[in-house]
Amino acid sequence: MLIVIGGLPATGKTTLSRLLSTRLGAVHVRIDTIEQAIVRSGLARQPIGPAGYMVGYALAAEHLRQGLGVVAESVNPLAVTRDAWREVGVKAGVPVAEVEVVCSDREEHRRRVTSRSIDIPDLRPPTWQEVVDREYEPWDRGRIVVDTSGQTPEESLGVLLRSLDQDKLEIRTIG
């Protein structure tokens, strides 16, 4: 299975993706990690364009071919990136679930953006204004929406797992 998790910075994507990957025993493919590794290599500077996503698609496809589940996490702001993730799953012949993580409480979201710590070396977090101004196309198809506002990461995980189960995606948890 391929679970694609997108949403604006500081909505809780990484935390939720890590929890979900651990619960499912799936591989977590994080575009921020890939992009920053490319930057650290000296081959590019931010923003690097589609290169990080292309590497992510290839890694996800390889893991899926090996029979592993994948949680792919990125801002995923454009329809073209969402379509590309879906195509990875279709070509691998696996179910694809698309998830948008939101934080509907604007003040909570702002607080998260301005106070979070970054766990990727040398990655500069966006400012609140950069998050607000970021290009982010509306979704044009069904997806699971998880609003992390006012709940713990574990509560958000529970919401997501129940939604995935309702979509009959054969969720098997570990432990």
Protein backbone atom coordinates (compact mmCIF):
# COMPACT_ATOMS: atom_id res chain seq x y z
CA MET A 1 0.00 0.00 0.00
CA LEU A 2 1.07 3.59 -0.68
CA ILE A 3 -0.16 6.26 1.70
CA VAL A 4 0.59 9.77 0.44
CA ILE A 5 0.53 12.44 3.14
CA GLY A 6 0.52 16.11 2.18
CA GLY A 7 -0.23 19.47 3.73
CA LEU A 8 1.30 22.80 4.56
CA PRO A 9 4.41 23.00 6.76
CA ALA A 10 3.82 22.57 10.51
CA THR A 11 0.43 20.90 10.22
CA GLY A 12 1.80 17.67 11.73
CA LYS A 13 2.68 15.66 8.61
CA THR A 14 6.03 14.37 9.80
CA THR A 15 4.84 13.41 13.26
CA LEU A 16 1.80 11.65 11.84
CA SER A 17 3.83 9.95 9.09
CA ARG A 18 6.35 8.61 11.59
CA LEU A 19 3.64 7.28 13.89
CA LEU A 20 1.81 5.68 10.96
CA SER A 21 4.97 4.15 9.48
CA THR A 22 5.88 2.62 12.83
CA ARG A 23 2.36 1.30 13.38
CA LEU A 24 2.18 -0.27 9.92
CA GLY A 25 5.80 -1.37 9.62
CA ALA A 26 6.03 0.75 6.46
CA VAL A 27 8.88 2.72 4.93
CA HIS A 28 8.68 6.49 5.50
CA VAL A 29 9.80 8.48 2.45
CA ARG A 30 10.19 12.16 3.42
CA ILE A 31 10.79 14.69 0.65
CA ASP A 32 12.37 17.26 3.01
CA THR A 33 15.08 14.74 3.89
CA ILE A 34 15.74 13.95 0.24
CA GLU A 35 15.82 17.60 -0.83
CA GLN A 36 18.17 18.63 1.97
CA ALA A 37 20.52 15.74 1.14
CA ILE A 38 20.65 17.01 -2.45
CA VAL A 39 21.40 20.54 -1.19
CA ARG A 40 24.13 19.26 1.18
CA SER A 41 25.71 17.40 -1.76
CA GLY A 42 26.38 20.74 -3.44
CA LEU A 43 24.38 19.80 -6.54
CA ALA A 44 21.57 22.28 -5.92
CA ARG A 45 20.26 25.04 -3.68
CA GLN A 46 16.76 25.54 -2.28
CA PRO A 47 14.32 25.54 -3.90
CA ILE A 48 15.56 22.58 -5.90
CA GLY A 49 12.48 22.10 -8.05
CA PRO A 50 11.18 18.64 -8.92
CA ALA A 51 14.40 16.70 -8.18
CA GLY A 52 13.45 15.75 -4.61
CA TYR A 53 10.03 14.54 -5.67
CA MET A 54 11.50 12.53 -8.55
CA VAL A 55 13.87 10.77 -6.14
CA GLY A 56 10.95 10.20 -3.75
CA TYR A 57 8.81 8.65 -6.48
CA ALA A 58 11.66 6.32 -7.46
CA LEU A 59 12.34 5.26 -3.86
CA ALA A 60 8.65 4.65 -3.19
CA ALA A 61 8.31 2.58 -6.38
CA GLU A 62 11.36 0.49 -5.44
CA HIS A 63 10.05 -0.20 -1.93
CA LEU A 64 6.60 -1.08 -3.26
CA ARG A 65 8.17 -3.51 -5.78
CA GLN A 66 9.85 -5.20 -2.82
CA GLY A 67 6.44 -5.69 -1.20
CA LEU A 68 6.90 -2.99 1.43
CA GLY A 69 4.28 -0.47 2.42
CA VAL A 70 5.24 3.18 1.93
CA VAL A 71 4.18 6.35 3.70
CA ALA A 72 5.25 9.18 1.39
CA GLU A 73 5.31 12.59 3.06
CA SER A 74 5.69 15.98 1.45
CA VAL A 75 3.89 19.30 1.21
CA ASN A 76 2.50 17.91 -2.06
CA PRO A 77 1.16 21.33 -3.05
CA LEU A 78 0.34 20.77 -6.70
CA ALA A 79 -2.06 18.53 -8.56
CA VAL A 80 0.82 17.34 -10.73
CA THR A 81 2.71 16.00 -7.68
CA ARG A 82 -0.43 14.34 -6.33
CA ASP A 83 -1.04 12.71 -9.70
CA ALA A 84 2.56 11.51 -9.84
CA TRP A 85 2.32 9.86 -6.40
CA ARG A 86 -0.91 8.15 -7.44
CA GLU A 87 0.75 6.91 -10.64
CA VAL A 88 3.56 5.34 -8.56
CA GLY A 89 0.97 3.26 -6.71
CA VAL A 90 -0.99 2.38 -9.84
CA LYS A 91 2.15 1.18 -11.64
CA ALA A 92 3.09 -0.90 -8.59
CA GLY A 93 -0.42 -2.37 -8.48
CA VAL A 94 -1.07 -1.34 -4.88
CA PRO A 95 -3.89 0.58 -3.20
CA VAL A 96 -3.21 4.31 -2.82
CA ALA A 97 -4.61 6.47 -0.03
CA GLU A 98 -4.23 10.23 -0.24
CA VAL A 99 -4.21 12.16 3.02
CA GLU A 100 -4.24 15.90 3.56
CA VAL A 101 -3.11 17.04 7.00
CA VAL A 102 -4.46 20.41 8.09
CA CYS A 103 -4.39 22.57 11.20
CA SER A 104 -7.66 24.50 11.08
CA ASP A 105 -6.83 26.71 14.06
CA ARG A 106 -4.82 29.53 12.46
CA GLU A 107 -3.23 30.67 15.73
CA GLU A 108 -2.19 27.13 16.64
CA HIS A 109 -0.76 26.68 13.16
CA ARG A 110 1.18 29.96 13.44
CA ARG A 111 2.52 28.90 16.86
CA ARG A 112 3.68 25.58 15.41
CA VAL A 113 5.43 27.28 12.50
CA THR A 114 7.27 29.73 14.74
CA SER A 115 8.20 27.36 17.56
CA ARG A 116 8.98 24.00 15.99
CA SER A 117 12.40 22.45 15.95
CA ILE A 118 13.81 21.03 12.74
CA ASP A 119 15.45 17.60 12.79
CA ILE A 120 17.13 17.78 9.37
CA PRO A 121 20.62 19.33 9.50
CA ASP A 122 20.87 22.75 7.85
CA LEU A 123 17.20 22.85 6.79
CA ARG A 124 15.81 26.35 7.26
CA PRO A 125 12.19 26.22 8.37
CA PRO A 126 9.77 28.52 6.57
CA THR A 127 8.51 31.64 8.26
CA TRP A 128 4.80 32.06 8.95
CA GLN A 129 4.57 34.51 6.04
CA GLU A 130 6.23 31.97 3.71
CA VAL A 131 3.70 29.34 4.78
CA VAL A 132 0.80 31.73 4.22
CA ASP A 133 2.15 32.81 0.81
CA ARG A 134 3.06 29.30 -0.37
CA GLU A 135 1.50 28.03 -3.58
CA TYR A 136 -0.91 25.28 -2.58
CA GLU A 137 -3.51 24.17 -5.10
CA PRO A 138 -6.86 22.98 -3.77
CA TRP A 139 -7.41 19.23 -3.99
CA ASP A 140 -9.65 18.24 -6.89
CA ARG A 141 -10.51 14.72 -5.75
CA GLY A 142 -11.44 12.79 -2.68
CA ARG A 143 -8.91 12.28 0.06
CA ILE A 144 -8.75 11.67 3.78
CA VAL A 145 -8.47 14.93 5.71
CA VAL A 146 -6.93 14.84 9.18
CA ASP A 147 -7.25 18.04 11.20
CA THR A 148 -4.52 17.96 13.84
CA SER A 149 -5.77 21.08 15.57
CA GLY A 150 -6.56 20.58 19.25
CA GLN A 151 -5.61 16.92 19.42
CA THR A 152 -2.55 14.88 20.27
CA PRO A 153 -0.52 13.16 17.57
CA GLU A 154 -1.85 9.81 18.82
CA GLU A 155 -5.44 11.05 18.48
CA SER A 156 -4.69 12.20 14.92
CA LEU A 157 -3.19 8.77 14.19
CA GLY A 158 -6.37 7.13 15.47
CA VAL A 159 -8.49 9.31 13.18
CA LEU A 160 -6.29 8.40 10.23
CA LEU A 161 -6.26 4.66 10.96
CA ARG A 162 -10.06 4.60 11.30
CA SER A 163 -10.41 6.47 7.99
CA LEU A 164 -8.02 4.12 6.23
CA ASP A 165 -9.89 1.12 7.64
CA GLN A 166 -13.22 2.55 6.45
CA ASP A 167 -11.71 2.85 2.98
CA LYS A 168 -11.07 -0.94 3.09
CA LEU A 169 -7.35 -0.62 2.45
CA GLU A 170 -6.39 -3.79 4.35
CA ILE A 171 -4.63 -2.00 7.19
CA ARG A 172 -2.44 -4.36 9.19
CA THR A 173 -0.86 -2.86 12.25
CA ILE A 174 2.21 -4.16 14.03
CA GLY A 175 2.24 -4.62 17.78
